[in-house]
Amino acid sequence: MQEKSGSKHHTIKIVLIFVAVLFVLDLSPLGGNTVFYIKWVECGHRPLYTQKGPAFKSGVPYYVEAPNFGLLRQFMPYFCTATQAEKAGYSANPDYFDFPHLSGEEVQTSITKAHGIMGGS
């Protein structure tokens, strides 16, 4: 009886260590799911996430709706609304600057921010 109890505690310890390691990895630059799901709760819906277009194409930083599941999300800016993403300099289109939710002056400010995200190009 004692052996079964000891074996059970050993298994529980291994599982807890495994879960702790996964959680620490998720908080590292390799993870990002915890941050994503916290943002989902904050927004009340699935957030938008950002990407930078490939340099050989346009290189335009843009936003898209985040997938429900991602194994490695890494840390990237998440936004609740398209307007928030556009004001931060992220385009609605990956091929060219497109800020459909902003006014004229806000568009200019966003393009300046986008150039900063692109590395000043």
PDB file of N, CA and C in Angstrom:
ATOM      1  N   MET A   1       0.833  -1.198   0.000  1.00  0.00           N
ATOM      2  CA  MET A   1       0.000   0.000   0.000  1.00  0.00           C
ATOM      3  C   MET A   1       0.870   1.252   0.000  1.00  0.00           C
ATOM      4  N   GLN A   2       1.937   1.202   0.774  1.00  0.00           N
ATOM      5  CA  GLN A   2       2.844   2.346   0.881  1.00  0.00           C
ATOM      6  C   GLN A   2       3.503   2.633  -0.462  1.00  0.00           C
ATOM      7  N   GLU A   3       3.837   1.567  -1.234  1.00  0.00           N
ATOM      8  CA  GLU A   3       4.478   1.747  -2.525  1.00  0.00           C
ATOM      9  C   GLU A   3       3.560   2.477  -3.495  1.00  0.00           C
ATOM     10  N   LYS A   4       2.281   2.133  -3.525  1.00  0.00           N
ATOM     11  CA  LYS A   4       1.334   2.794  -4.422  1.00  0.00           C
ATOM     12  C   LYS A   4       1.206   4.266  -4.081  1.00  0.00           C
ATOM     13  N   SER A   5       1.146   4.589  -2.803  1.00  0.00           N
ATOM     14  CA  SER A   5       1.021   5.979  -2.368  1.00  0.00           C
ATOM     15  C   SER A   5       2.260   6.777  -2.744  1.00  0.00           C
ATOM     16  N   GLY A   6       3.451   6.175  -2.545  1.00  0.00           N
ATOM     17  CA  GLY A   6       4.702   6.847  -2.912  1.00  0.00           C
ATOM     18  C   GLY A   6       4.807   7.056  -4.403  1.00  0.00           C
ATOM     19  N   SER A   7       4.382   6.077  -5.168  1.00  0.00           N
ATOM     20  CA  SER A   7       4.401   6.169  -6.624  1.00  0.00           C
ATOM     21  C   SER A   7       3.439   7.251  -7.114  1.00  0.00           C
ATOM     22  N   LYS A   8       2.292   7.346  -6.462  1.00  0.00           N
ATOM     23  CA  LYS A   8       1.287   8.356  -6.826  1.00  0.00           C
ATOM     24  C   LYS A   8       1.833   9.765  -6.577  1.00  0.00           C
ATOM     25  N   HIS A   9       2.491   9.962  -5.434  1.00  0.00           N
ATOM     26  CA  HIS A   9       3.068  11.269  -5.116  1.00  0.00           C
ATOM     27  C   HIS A   9       4.184  11.617  -6.081  1.00  0.00           C
ATOM     28  N   HIS A  10       4.966  10.623  -6.485  1.00  0.00           N
ATOM     29  CA  HIS A  10       6.047  10.832  -7.438  1.00  0.00           C
ATOM     30  C   HIS A  10       5.470  11.281  -8.787  1.00  0.00           C
ATOM     31  N   THR A  11       4.400  10.635  -9.221  1.00  0.00           N
ATOM     32  CA  THR A  11       3.748  10.992 -10.476  1.00  0.00           C
ATOM     33  C   THR A  11       3.179  12.407 -10.407  1.00  0.00           C
ATOM     34  N   ILE A  12       2.566  12.756  -9.301  1.00  0.00           N
ATOM     35  CA  ILE A  12       2.010  14.102  -9.136  1.00  0.00           C
ATOM     36  C   ILE A  12       3.130  15.143  -9.195  1.00  0.00           C
ATOM     37  N   LYS A  13       4.258  14.863  -8.559  1.00  0.00           N
ATOM     38  CA  LYS A  13       5.398  15.785  -8.593  1.00  0.00           C
ATOM     39  C   LYS A  13       5.889  15.987 -10.021  1.00  0.00           C
ATOM     40  N   ILE A  14       5.993  14.903 -10.766  1.00  0.00           N
ATOM     41  CA  ILE A  14       6.462  14.999 -12.152  1.00  0.00           C
ATOM     42  C   ILE A  14       5.500  15.836 -12.990  1.00  0.00           C
ATOM     43  N   VAL A  15       4.214  15.601 -12.827  1.00  0.00           N
ATOM     44  CA  VAL A  15       3.209  16.361 -13.574  1.00  0.00           C
ATOM     45  C   VAL A  15       3.274  17.839 -13.201  1.00  0.00           C
ATOM     46  N   LEU A  16       3.393  18.156 -11.914  1.00  0.00           N
ATOM     47  CA  LEU A  16       3.481  19.554 -11.481  1.00  0.00           C
ATOM     48  C   LEU A  16       4.733  20.227 -12.017  1.00  0.00           C
ATOM     49  N   ILE A  17       5.843  19.519 -12.015  1.00  0.00           N
ATOM     50  CA  ILE A  17       7.085  20.081 -12.564  1.00  0.00           C
ATOM     51  C   ILE A  17       6.921  20.333 -14.061  1.00  0.00           C
ATOM     52  N   PHE A  18       6.314  19.399 -14.774  1.00  0.00           N
ATOM     53  CA  PHE A  18       6.079  19.556 -16.211  1.00  0.00           C
ATOM     54  C   PHE A  18       5.194  20.771 -16.497  1.00  0.00           C
ATOM     55  N   VAL A  19       4.127  20.926 -15.737  1.00  0.00           N
ATOM     56  CA  VAL A  19       3.222  22.076 -15.915  1.00  0.00           C
ATOM     57  C   VAL A  19       3.963  23.377 -15.611  1.00  0.00           C
ATOM     58  N   ALA A  20       4.770  23.388 -14.563  1.00  0.00           N
ATOM     59  CA  ALA A  20       5.542  24.585 -14.207  1.00  0.00           C
ATOM     60  C   ALA A  20       6.529  24.942 -15.313  1.00  0.00           C
ATOM     61  N   VAL A  21       7.194  23.953 -15.883  1.00  0.00           N
ATOM     62  CA  VAL A  21       8.137  24.203 -16.974  1.00  0.00           C
ATOM     63  C   VAL A  21       7.399  24.768 -18.186  1.00  0.00           C
ATOM     64  N   LEU A  22       6.246  24.202 -18.528  1.00  0.00           N
ATOM     65  CA  LEU A  22       5.452  24.726 -19.648  1.00  0.00           C
ATOM     66  C   LEU A  22       5.036  26.171 -19.405  1.00  0.00           C
ATOM     67  N   PHE A  23       4.637  26.472 -18.170  1.00  0.00           N
ATOM     68  CA  PHE A  23       4.211  27.829 -17.844  1.00  0.00           C
ATOM     69  C   PHE A  23       5.383  28.803 -17.966  1.00  0.00           C
ATOM     70  N   VAL A  24       6.551  28.420 -17.468  1.00  0.00           N
ATOM     71  CA  VAL A  24       7.739  29.279 -17.567  1.00  0.00           C
ATOM     72  C   VAL A  24       8.127  29.468 -19.029  1.00  0.00           C
ATOM     73  N   LEU A  25       8.080  28.403 -19.815  1.00  0.00           N
ATOM     74  CA  LEU A  25       8.373  28.537 -21.248  1.00  0.00           C
ATOM     75  C   LEU A  25       7.372  29.455 -21.934  1.00  0.00           C
ATOM     76  N   ASP A  26       6.121  29.392 -21.511  1.00  0.00           N
ATOM     77  CA  ASP A  26       5.104  30.244 -22.118  1.00  0.00           C
ATOM     78  C   ASP A  26       5.342  31.714 -21.799  1.00  0.00           C
ATOM     79  N   LEU A  27       5.945  31.997 -20.664  1.00  0.00           N
ATOM     80  CA  LEU A  27       6.252  33.376 -20.313  1.00  0.00           C
ATOM     81  C   LEU A  27       7.551  33.850 -20.953  1.00  0.00           C
ATOM     82  N   SER A  28       8.317  32.927 -21.521  1.00  0.00           N
ATOM     83  CA  SER A  28       9.556  33.282 -22.197  1.00  0.00           C
ATOM     84  C   SER A  28       9.234  33.807 -23.598  1.00  0.00           C
ATOM     85  N   PRO A  29      10.238  34.314 -24.311  1.00  0.00           N
ATOM     86  CA  PRO A  29       9.986  34.770 -25.688  1.00  0.00           C
ATOM     87  C   PRO A  29       9.504  33.662 -26.625  1.00  0.00           C
ATOM     88  N   LEU A  30       9.640  32.412 -26.230  1.00  0.00           N
ATOM     89  CA  LEU A  30       9.158  31.313 -27.065  1.00  0.00           C
ATOM     90  C   LEU A  30       7.664  31.088 -26.935  1.00  0.00           C
ATOM     91  N   GLY A  31       7.075  31.538 -25.845  1.00  0.00           N
ATOM     92  CA  GLY A  31       5.667  31.262 -25.583  1.00  0.00           C
ATOM     93  C   GLY A  31       4.750  32.348 -26.072  1.00  0.00           C
ATOM     94  N   GLY A  32       3.948  32.872 -25.176  1.00  0.00           N
ATOM     95  CA  GLY A  32       3.048  33.964 -25.518  1.00  0.00           C
ATOM     96  C   GLY A  32       1.578  33.643 -25.389  1.00  0.00           C
ATOM     97  N   ASN A  33       1.219  32.389 -25.154  1.00  0.00           N
ATOM     98  CA  ASN A  33      -0.195  32.041 -25.054  1.00  0.00           C
ATOM     99  C   ASN A  33      -0.860  32.677 -23.837  1.00  0.00           C
ATOM    100  N   THR A  34      -0.143  32.750 -22.720  1.00  0.00           N
ATOM    101  CA  THR A  34      -0.718  33.354 -21.514  1.00  0.00           C
ATOM    102  C   THR A  34      -1.089  34.804 -21.783  1.00  0.00           C
ATOM    103  N   VAL A  35      -0.182  35.545 -22.395  1.00  0.00           N
ATOM    104  CA  VAL A  35      -0.438  36.956 -22.719  1.00  0.00           C
ATOM    105  C   VAL A  35      -1.617  37.064 -23.683  1.00  0.00           C
ATOM    106  N   PHE A  36      -1.660  36.171 -24.664  1.00  0.00           N
ATOM    107  CA  PHE A  36      -2.746  36.180 -25.649  1.00  0.00           C
ATOM    108  C   PHE A  36      -4.104  35.969 -24.985  1.00  0.00           C
ATOM    109  N   TYR A  37      -4.201  34.963 -24.121  1.00  0.00           N
ATOM    110  CA  TYR A  37      -5.496  34.660 -23.498  1.00  0.00           C
ATOM    111  C   TYR A  37      -5.893  35.724 -22.475  1.00  0.00           C
ATOM    112  N   ILE A  38      -4.933  36.346 -21.828  1.00  0.00           N
ATOM    113  CA  ILE A  38      -5.249  37.469 -20.935  1.00  0.00           C
ATOM    114  C   ILE A  38      -5.833  38.620 -21.750  1.00  0.00           C
ATOM    115  N   LYS A  39      -5.245  38.886 -22.907  1.00  0.00           N
ATOM    116  CA  LYS A  39      -5.757  39.950 -23.781  1.00  0.00           C
ATOM    117  C   LYS A  39      -7.152  39.593 -24.299  1.00  0.00           C
ATOM    118  N   TRP A  40      -7.386  38.324 -24.584  1.00  0.00           N
ATOM    119  CA  TRP A  40      -8.706  37.875 -25.049  1.00  0.00           C
ATOM    120  C   TRP A  40      -9.756  38.192 -23.988  1.00  0.00           C
ATOM    121  N   VAL A  41      -9.454  37.903 -22.741  1.00  0.00           N
ATOM    122  CA  VAL A  41     -10.377  38.192 -21.642  1.00  0.00           C
ATOM    123  C   VAL A  41     -10.561  39.702 -21.502  1.00  0.00           C
ATOM    124  N   GLU A  42      -9.466  40.447 -21.603  1.00  0.00           N
ATOM    125  CA  GLU A  42      -9.540  41.910 -21.498  1.00  0.00           C
ATOM    126  C   GLU A  42     -10.434  42.497 -22.588  1.00  0.00           C
ATOM    127  N   CYS A  43     -10.295  42.006 -23.807  1.00  0.00           N
ATOM    128  CA  CYS A  43     -11.080  42.528 -24.934  1.00  0.00           C
ATOM    129  C   CYS A  43     -12.522  42.030 -24.919  1.00  0.00           C
ATOM    130  N   GLY A  44     -12.743  40.843 -24.392  1.00  0.00           N
ATOM    131  CA  GLY A  44     -14.070  40.240 -24.445  1.00  0.00           C
ATOM    132  C   GLY A  44     -14.293  39.478 -25.740  1.00  0.00           C
ATOM    133  N   HIS A  45     -13.279  39.428 -26.594  1.00  0.00           N
ATOM    134  CA  HIS A  45     -13.317  38.681 -27.852  1.00  0.00           C
ATOM    135  C   HIS A  45     -11.878  38.415 -28.279  1.00  0.00           C
ATOM    136  N   ARG A  46     -11.723  37.599 -29.287  1.00  0.00           N
ATOM    137  CA  ARG A  46     -10.377  37.271 -29.766  1.00  0.00           C
ATOM    138  C   ARG A  46      -9.685  38.542 -30.266  1.00  0.00           C
ATOM    139  N   PRO A  47      -8.478  38.814 -29.784  1.00  0.00           N
ATOM    140  CA  PRO A  47      -7.805  40.048 -30.184  1.00  0.00           C
ATOM    141  C   PRO A  47      -7.184  39.967 -31.580  1.00  0.00           C
ATOM    142  N   LEU A  48      -6.760  41.113 -32.054  1.00  0.00           N
ATOM    143  CA  LEU A  48      -5.999  41.205 -33.298  1.00  0.00           C
ATOM    144  C   LEU A  48      -4.525  41.098 -32.933  1.00  0.00           C
ATOM    145  N   TYR A  49      -3.738  40.475 -33.780  1.00  0.00           N
ATOM    146  CA  TYR A  49      -2.309  40.455 -33.526  1.00  0.00           C
ATOM    147  C   TYR A  49      -1.590  41.026 -34.732  1.00  0.00           C
ATOM    148  N   THR A  50      -0.329  41.315 -34.564  1.00  0.00           N
ATOM    149  CA  THR A  50       0.409  42.051 -35.574  1.00  0.00           C
ATOM    150  C   THR A  50       1.503  41.209 -36.196  1.00  0.00           C
ATOM    151  N   GLN A  51       1.807  41.555 -37.418  1.00  0.00           N
ATOM    152  CA  GLN A  51       2.903  40.930 -38.145  1.00  0.00           C
ATOM    153  C   GLN A  51       3.583  41.996 -38.969  1.00  0.00           C
ATOM    154  N   LYS A  52       4.788  41.693 -39.388  1.00  0.00           N
ATOM    155  CA  LYS A  52       5.511  42.604 -40.266  1.00  0.00           C
ATOM    156  C   LYS A  52       5.663  41.899 -41.595  1.00  0.00           C
ATOM    157  N   GLY A  53       5.235  42.574 -42.651  1.00  0.00           N
ATOM    158  CA  GLY A  53       5.338  41.972 -43.976  1.00  0.00           C
ATOM    159  C   GLY A  53       6.788  41.658 -44.314  1.00  0.00           C
ATOM    160  N   PRO A  54       7.018  40.656 -45.146  1.00  0.00           N
ATOM    161  CA  PRO A  54       8.390  40.303 -45.510  1.00  0.00           C
ATOM    162  C   PRO A  54       9.084  41.449 -46.240  1.00  0.00           C
ATOM    163  N   ALA A  55      10.365  41.617 -45.945  1.00  0.00           N
ATOM    164  CA  ALA A  55      11.138  42.725 -46.523  1.00  0.00           C
ATOM    165  C   ALA A  55      11.166  42.657 -48.048  1.00  0.00           C
ATOM    166  N   PHE A  56      11.152  41.446 -48.613  1.00  0.00           N
ATOM    167  CA  PHE A  56      11.201  41.330 -50.073  1.00  0.00           C
ATOM    168  C   PHE A  56       9.882  41.734 -50.716  1.00  0.00           C
ATOM    169  N   LYS A  57       8.820  41.805 -49.916  1.00  0.00           N
ATOM    170  CA  LYS A  57       7.543  42.315 -50.431  1.00  0.00           C
ATOM    171  C   LYS A  57       7.442  43.771 -50.030  1.00  0.00           C
ATOM    172  N   SER A  58       6.461  44.104 -49.238  1.00  0.00           N
ATOM    173  CA  SER A  58       6.230  45.498 -48.865  1.00  0.00           C
ATOM    174  C   SER A  58       6.899  45.858 -47.549  1.00  0.00           C
ATOM    175  N   GLY A  59       7.023  44.893 -46.650  1.00  0.00           N
ATOM    176  CA  GLY A  59       7.571  45.179 -45.324  1.00  0.00           C
ATOM    177  C   GLY A  59       6.606  45.956 -44.445  1.00  0.00           C
ATOM    178  N   VAL A  60       5.367  46.110 -44.875  1.00  0.00           N
ATOM    179  CA  VAL A  60       4.376  46.888 -44.143  1.00  0.00           C
ATOM    180  C   VAL A  60       3.924  46.113 -42.896  1.00  0.00           C
ATOM    181  N   PRO A  61       4.014  46.733 -41.718  1.00  0.00           N
ATOM    182  CA  PRO A  61       3.490  46.070 -40.518  1.00  0.00           C
ATOM    183  C   PRO A  61       1.957  46.110 -40.551  1.00  0.00           C
ATOM    184  N   TYR A  62       1.336  44.987 -40.283  1.00  0.00           N
ATOM    185  CA  TYR A  62      -0.111  44.911 -40.405  1.00  0.00           C
ATOM    186  C   TYR A  62      -0.712  44.088 -39.272  1.00  0.00           C
ATOM    187  N   TYR A  63      -2.052  44.125 -39.166  1.00  0.00           N
ATOM    188  CA  TYR A  63      -2.756  43.360 -38.133  1.00  0.00           C
ATOM    189  C   TYR A  63      -3.735  42.402 -38.784  1.00  0.00           C
ATOM    190  N   VAL A  64      -3.974  41.290 -38.092  1.00  0.00           N
ATOM    191  CA  VAL A  64      -4.959  40.301 -38.520  1.00  0.00           C
ATOM    192  C   VAL A  64      -5.612  39.727 -37.269  1.00  0.00           C
ATOM    193  N   GLU A  65      -6.734  39.055 -37.450  1.00  0.00           N
ATOM    194  CA  GLU A  65      -7.380  38.403 -36.313  1.00  0.00           C
ATOM    195  C   GLU A  65      -6.530  37.203 -35.905  1.00  0.00           C
ATOM    196  N   ALA A  66      -6.268  37.104 -34.635  1.00  0.00           N
ATOM    197  CA  ALA A  66      -5.429  36.022 -34.125  1.00  0.00           C
ATOM    198  C   ALA A  66      -6.153  34.688 -34.236  1.00  0.00           C
ATOM    199  N   PRO A  67      -5.413  33.622 -34.545  1.00  0.00           N
ATOM    200  CA  PRO A  67      -6.048  32.299 -34.573  1.00  0.00           C
ATOM    201  C   PRO A  67      -6.426  31.861 -33.157  1.00  0.00           C
ATOM    202  N   ASN A  68      -7.396  30.963 -33.050  1.00  0.00           N
ATOM    203  CA  ASN A  68      -7.823  30.474 -31.733  1.00  0.00           C
ATOM    204  C   ASN A  68      -6.702  29.761 -31.001  1.00  0.00           C
ATOM    205  N   PHE A  69      -5.902  29.006 -31.733  1.00  0.00           N
ATOM    206  CA  PHE A  69      -4.848  28.239 -31.094  1.00  0.00           C
ATOM    207  C   PHE A  69      -3.533  28.480 -31.809  1.00  0.00           C
ATOM    208  N   GLY A  70      -2.502  28.654 -31.035  1.00  0.00           N
ATOM    209  CA  GLY A  70      -1.163  28.795 -31.578  1.00  0.00           C
ATOM    210  C   GLY A  70      -0.183  28.151 -30.617  1.00  0.00           C
ATOM    211  N   LEU A  71       0.664  27.288 -31.116  1.00  0.00           N
ATOM    212  CA  LEU A  71       1.603  26.593 -30.245  1.00  0.00           C
ATOM    213  C   LEU A  71       2.634  27.562 -29.676  1.00  0.00           C
ATOM    214  N   LEU A  72       3.262  28.338 -30.529  1.00  0.00           N
ATOM    215  CA  LEU A  72       4.236  29.342 -30.100  1.00  0.00           C
ATOM    216  C   LEU A  72       3.810  30.687 -30.668  1.00  0.00           C
ATOM    217  N   ARG A  73       3.267  31.531 -29.852  1.00  0.00           N
ATOM    218  CA  ARG A  73       2.781  32.830 -30.312  1.00  0.00           C
ATOM    219  C   ARG A  73       3.860  33.901 -30.259  1.00  0.00           C
ATOM    220  N   GLN A  74       4.818  33.733 -29.387  1.00  0.00           N
ATOM    221  CA  GLN A  74       5.837  34.726 -29.116  1.00  0.00           C
ATOM    222  C   GLN A  74       5.161  36.000 -28.620  1.00  0.00           C
ATOM    223  N   PHE A  75       5.961  36.969 -28.263  1.00  0.00           N
ATOM    224  CA  PHE A  75       5.383  38.206 -27.750  1.00  0.00           C
ATOM    225  C   PHE A  75       5.269  39.214 -28.870  1.00  0.00           C
ATOM    226  N   MET A  76       4.080  39.632 -29.136  1.00  0.00           N
ATOM    227  CA  MET A  76       3.803  40.622 -30.161  1.00  0.00           C
ATOM    228  C   MET A  76       2.668  41.498 -29.649  1.00  0.00           C
ATOM    229  N   PRO A  77       2.544  42.682 -30.187  1.00  0.00           N
ATOM    230  CA  PRO A  77       1.437  43.530 -29.743  1.00  0.00           C
ATOM    231  C   PRO A  77       0.079  42.931 -30.131  1.00  0.00           C
ATOM    232  N   TYR A  78      -0.843  42.964 -29.188  1.00  0.00           N
ATOM    233  CA  TYR A  78      -2.228  42.553 -29.427  1.00  0.00           C
ATOM    234  C   TYR A  78      -3.115  43.775 -29.228  1.00  0.00           C
ATOM    235  N   PHE A  79      -4.177  43.856 -30.019  1.00  0.00           N
ATOM    236  CA  PHE A  79      -5.105  44.974 -29.924  1.00  0.00           C
ATOM    237  C   PHE A  79      -6.532  44.450 -29.896  1.00  0.00           C
ATOM    238  N   CYS A  80      -7.390  45.176 -29.194  1.00  0.00           N
ATOM    239  CA  CYS A  80      -8.801  44.790 -29.122  1.00  0.00           C
ATOM    240  C   CYS A  80      -9.573  45.239 -30.355  1.00  0.00           C
ATOM    241  N   THR A  81      -9.173  46.368 -30.929  1.00  0.00           N
ATOM    242  CA  THR A  81      -9.906  46.899 -32.084  1.00  0.00           C
ATOM    243  C   THR A  81      -8.949  47.256 -33.215  1.00  0.00           C
ATOM    244  N   ALA A  82      -9.504  47.312 -34.411  1.00  0.00           N
ATOM    245  CA  ALA A  82      -8.726  47.710 -35.581  1.00  0.00           C
ATOM    246  C   ALA A  82      -8.245  49.152 -35.441  1.00  0.00           C
ATOM    247  N   THR A  83      -9.055  50.003 -34.850  1.00  0.00           N
ATOM    248  CA  THR A  83      -8.668  51.398 -34.661  1.00  0.00           C
ATOM    249  C   THR A  83      -7.427  51.505 -33.775  1.00  0.00           C
ATOM    250  N   GLN A  84      -7.384  50.726 -32.685  1.00  0.00           N
ATOM    251  CA  GLN A  84      -6.203  50.733 -31.815  1.00  0.00           C
ATOM    252  C   GLN A  84      -4.961  50.291 -32.586  1.00  0.00           C
ATOM    253  N   ALA A  85      -5.093  49.236 -33.370  1.00  0.00           N
ATOM    254  CA  ALA A  85      -3.955  48.719 -34.140  1.00  0.00           C
ATOM    255  C   ALA A  85      -3.491  49.753 -35.159  1.00  0.00           C
ATOM    256  N   GLU A  86      -4.421  50.386 -35.841  1.00  0.00           N
ATOM    257  CA  GLU A  86      -4.069  51.386 -36.850  1.00  0.00           C
ATOM    258  C   GLU A  86      -3.410  52.605 -36.220  1.00  0.00           C
ATOM    259  N   LYS A  87      -3.899  53.048 -35.079  1.00  0.00           N
ATOM    260  CA  LYS A  87      -3.287  54.192 -34.394  1.00  0.00           C
ATOM    261  C   LYS A  87      -1.857  53.884 -33.938  1.00  0.00           C
ATOM    262  N   ALA A  88      -1.566  52.596 -33.714  1.00  0.00           N
ATOM    263  CA  ALA A  88      -0.219  52.188 -33.315  1.00  0.00           C
ATOM    264  C   ALA A  88       0.697  52.011 -34.530  1.00  0.00           C
ATOM    265  N   GLY A  89       0.156  52.173 -35.738  1.00  0.00           N
ATOM    266  CA  GLY A  89       0.972  52.107 -36.941  1.00  0.00           C
ATOM    267  C   GLY A  89       0.862  50.817 -37.732  1.00  0.00           C
ATOM    268  N   TYR A  90      -0.142  49.989 -37.446  1.00  0.00           N
ATOM    269  CA  TYR A  90      -0.313  48.724 -38.161  1.00  0.00           C
ATOM    270  C   TYR A  90      -1.411  48.861 -39.212  1.00  0.00           C
ATOM    271  N   SER A  91      -1.106  48.460 -40.410  1.00  0.00           N
ATOM    272  CA  SER A  91      -2.002  48.585 -41.552  1.00  0.00           C
ATOM    273  C   SER A  91      -3.058  47.482 -41.564  1.00  0.00           C
ATOM    274  N   ALA A  92      -4.186  47.764 -42.204  1.00  0.00           N
ATOM    275  CA  ALA A  92      -5.223  46.752 -42.391  1.00  0.00           C
ATOM    276  C   ALA A  92      -4.855  45.828 -43.551  1.00  0.00           C
ATOM    277  N   ASN A  93      -3.869  46.219 -44.349  1.00  0.00           N
ATOM    278  CA  ASN A  93      -3.466  45.454 -45.521  1.00  0.00           C
ATOM    279  C   ASN A  93      -1.966  45.159 -45.454  1.00  0.00           C
ATOM    280  N   PRO A  94      -1.542  43.927 -45.682  1.00  0.00           N
ATOM    281  CA  PRO A  94      -0.115  43.598 -45.599  1.00  0.00           C
ATOM    282  C   PRO A  94       0.704  44.096 -46.787  1.00  0.00           C
ATOM    283  N   ASP A  95       0.046  44.513 -47.867  1.00  0.00           N
ATOM    284  CA  ASP A  95       0.768  44.914 -49.075  1.00  0.00           C
ATOM    285  C   ASP A  95       1.020  46.414 -49.192  1.00  0.00           C
ATOM    286  N   TYR A  96       0.202  47.214 -48.541  1.00  0.00           N
ATOM    287  CA  TYR A  96       0.377  48.667 -48.609  1.00  0.00           C
ATOM    288  C   TYR A  96      -0.285  49.289 -47.376  1.00  0.00           C
ATOM    289  N   PHE A  97       0.053  50.547 -47.101  1.00  0.00           N
ATOM    290  CA  PHE A  97      -0.526  51.235 -45.949  1.00  0.00           C
ATOM    291  C   PHE A  97      -2.011  51.481 -46.190  1.00  0.00           C
ATOM    292  N   ASP A  98      -2.822  50.990 -45.273  1.00  0.00           N
ATOM    293  CA  ASP A  98      -4.268  51.140 -45.374  1.00  0.00           C
ATOM    294  C   ASP A  98      -4.817  51.272 -43.952  1.00  0.00           C
ATOM    295  N   PHE A  99      -5.379  52.438 -43.645  1.00  0.00           N
ATOM    296  CA  PHE A  99      -5.909  52.722 -42.317  1.00  0.00           C
ATOM    297  C   PHE A  99      -7.363  53.167 -42.445  1.00  0.00           C
ATOM    298  N   PRO A 100      -8.287  52.250 -42.735  1.00  0.00           N
ATOM    299  CA  PRO A 100      -9.669  52.620 -43.025  1.00  0.00           C
ATOM    300  C   PRO A 100     -10.456  53.162 -41.831  1.00  0.00           C
ATOM    301  N   HIS A 101      -9.961  52.977 -40.620  1.00  0.00           N
ATOM    302  CA  HIS A 101     -10.697  53.422 -39.442  1.00  0.00           C
ATOM    303  C   HIS A 101     -10.198  54.762 -38.902  1.00  0.00           C
ATOM    304  N   LEU A 102      -9.275  55.415 -39.629  1.00  0.00           N
ATOM    305  CA  LEU A 102      -8.678  56.649 -39.135  1.00  0.00           C
ATOM    306  C   LEU A 102      -8.985  57.825 -40.049  1.00  0.00           C
ATOM    307  N   SER A 103      -8.880  59.027 -39.471  1.00  0.00           N
ATOM    308  CA  SER A 103      -9.056  60.260 -40.245  1.00  0.00           C
ATOM    309  C   SER A 103      -7.721  60.647 -40.883  1.00  0.00           C
ATOM    310  N   GLY A 104      -7.731  61.669 -41.716  1.00  0.00           N
ATOM    311  CA  GLY A 104      -6.539  62.106 -42.459  1.00  0.00           C
ATOM    312  C   GLY A 104      -5.313  62.362 -41.605  1.00  0.00           C
ATOM    313  N   GLU A 105      -5.452  63.140 -40.542  1.00  0.00           N
ATOM    314  CA  GLU A 105      -4.307  63.468 -39.694  1.00  0.00           C
ATOM    315  C   GLU A 105      -3.814  62.231 -38.946  1.00  0.00           C
ATOM    316  N   GLU A 106      -4.738  61.398 -38.501  1.00  0.00           N
ATOM    317  CA  GLU A 106      -4.368  60.165 -37.799  1.00  0.00           C
ATOM    318  C   GLU A 106      -3.614  59.211 -38.738  1.00  0.00           C
ATOM    319  N   VAL A 107      -3.979  59.228 -40.021  1.00  0.00           N
ATOM    320  CA  VAL A 107      -3.307  58.361 -40.993  1.00  0.00           C
ATOM    321  C   VAL A 107      -1.836  58.755 -41.103  1.00  0.00           C
ATOM    322  N   GLN A 108      -1.566  60.046 -41.206  1.00  0.00           N
ATOM    323  CA  GLN A 108      -0.173  60.511 -41.308  1.00  0.00           C
ATOM    324  C   GLN A 108       0.634  60.088 -40.090  1.00  0.00           C
ATOM    325  N   THR A 109       0.070  60.241 -38.908  1.00  0.00           N
ATOM    326  CA  THR A 109       0.749  59.845 -37.672  1.00  0.00           C
ATOM    327  C   THR A 109       1.011  58.343 -37.676  1.00  0.00           C
ATOM    328  N   SER A 110       0.059  57.561 -38.130  1.00  0.00           N
ATOM    329  CA  SER A 110       0.198  56.107 -38.171  1.00  0.00           C
ATOM    330  C   SER A 110       1.260  55.668 -39.167  1.00  0.00           C
ATOM    331  N   ILE A 111       1.338  56.346 -40.311  1.00  0.00           N
ATOM    332  CA  ILE A 111       2.371  55.999 -41.298  1.00  0.00           C
ATOM    333  C   ILE A 111       3.757  56.278 -40.719  1.00  0.00           C
ATOM    334  N   THR A 112       3.892  57.365 -39.979  1.00  0.00           N
ATOM    335  CA  THR A 112       5.167  57.668 -39.323  1.00  0.00           C
ATOM    336  C   THR A 112       5.517  56.574 -38.314  1.00  0.00           C
ATOM    337  N   LYS A 113       4.539  56.136 -37.529  1.00  0.00           N
ATOM    338  CA  LYS A 113       4.773  55.061 -36.563  1.00  0.00           C
ATOM    339  C   LYS A 113       5.131  53.763 -37.286  1.00  0.00           C
ATOM    340  N   ALA A 114       4.467  53.493 -38.401  1.00  0.00           N
ATOM    341  CA  ALA A 114       4.728  52.265 -39.163  1.00  0.00           C
ATOM    342  C   ALA A 114       6.175  52.247 -39.665  1.00  0.00           C
ATOM    343  N   HIS A 115       6.658  53.394 -40.101  1.00  0.00           N
ATOM    344  CA  HIS A 115       8.054  53.455 -40.562  1.00  0.00           C
ATOM    345  C   HIS A 115       9.017  53.160 -39.411  1.00  0.00           C
ATOM    346  N   GLY A 116       8.647  53.559 -38.208  1.00  0.00           N
ATOM    347  CA  GLY A 116       9.465  53.221 -37.031  1.00  0.00           C
ATOM    348  C   GLY A 116       9.461  51.730 -36.775  1.00  0.00           C
ATOM    349  N   ILE A 117       8.312  51.079 -36.941  1.00  0.00           N
ATOM    350  CA  ILE A 117       8.194  49.629 -36.749  1.00  0.00           C
ATOM    351  C   ILE A 117       9.019  48.902 -37.818  1.00  0.00           C
ATOM    352  N   MET A 118       9.038  49.468 -39.019  1.00  0.00           N
ATOM    353  CA  MET A 118       9.751  48.853 -40.126  1.00  0.00           C
ATOM    354  C   MET A 118      11.261  49.037 -39.989  1.00  0.00           C
ATOM    355  N   GLY A 119      11.698  49.787 -39.028  1.00  0.00           N
ATOM    356  CA  GLY A 119      13.129  49.990 -38.843  1.00  0.00           C
ATOM    357  C   GLY A 119      13.634  51.217 -39.558  1.00  0.00           C
ATOM    358  N   GLY A 120      12.744  52.208 -39.707  1.00  0.00           N
ATOM    359  CA  GLY A 120      13.142  53.471 -40.296  1.00  0.00           C
ATOM    360  C   GLY A 120      13.298  53.444 -41.800  1.00  0.00           C
ATOM    361  N   SER A 121      12.828  52.374 -42.447  1.00  0.00           N
ATOM    362  CA  SER A 121      12.967  52.323 -43.916  1.00  0.00           C
ATOM    363  C   SER A 121      11.937  53.169 -44.598  1.00  0.00           C
TER     364      SER A 121
END
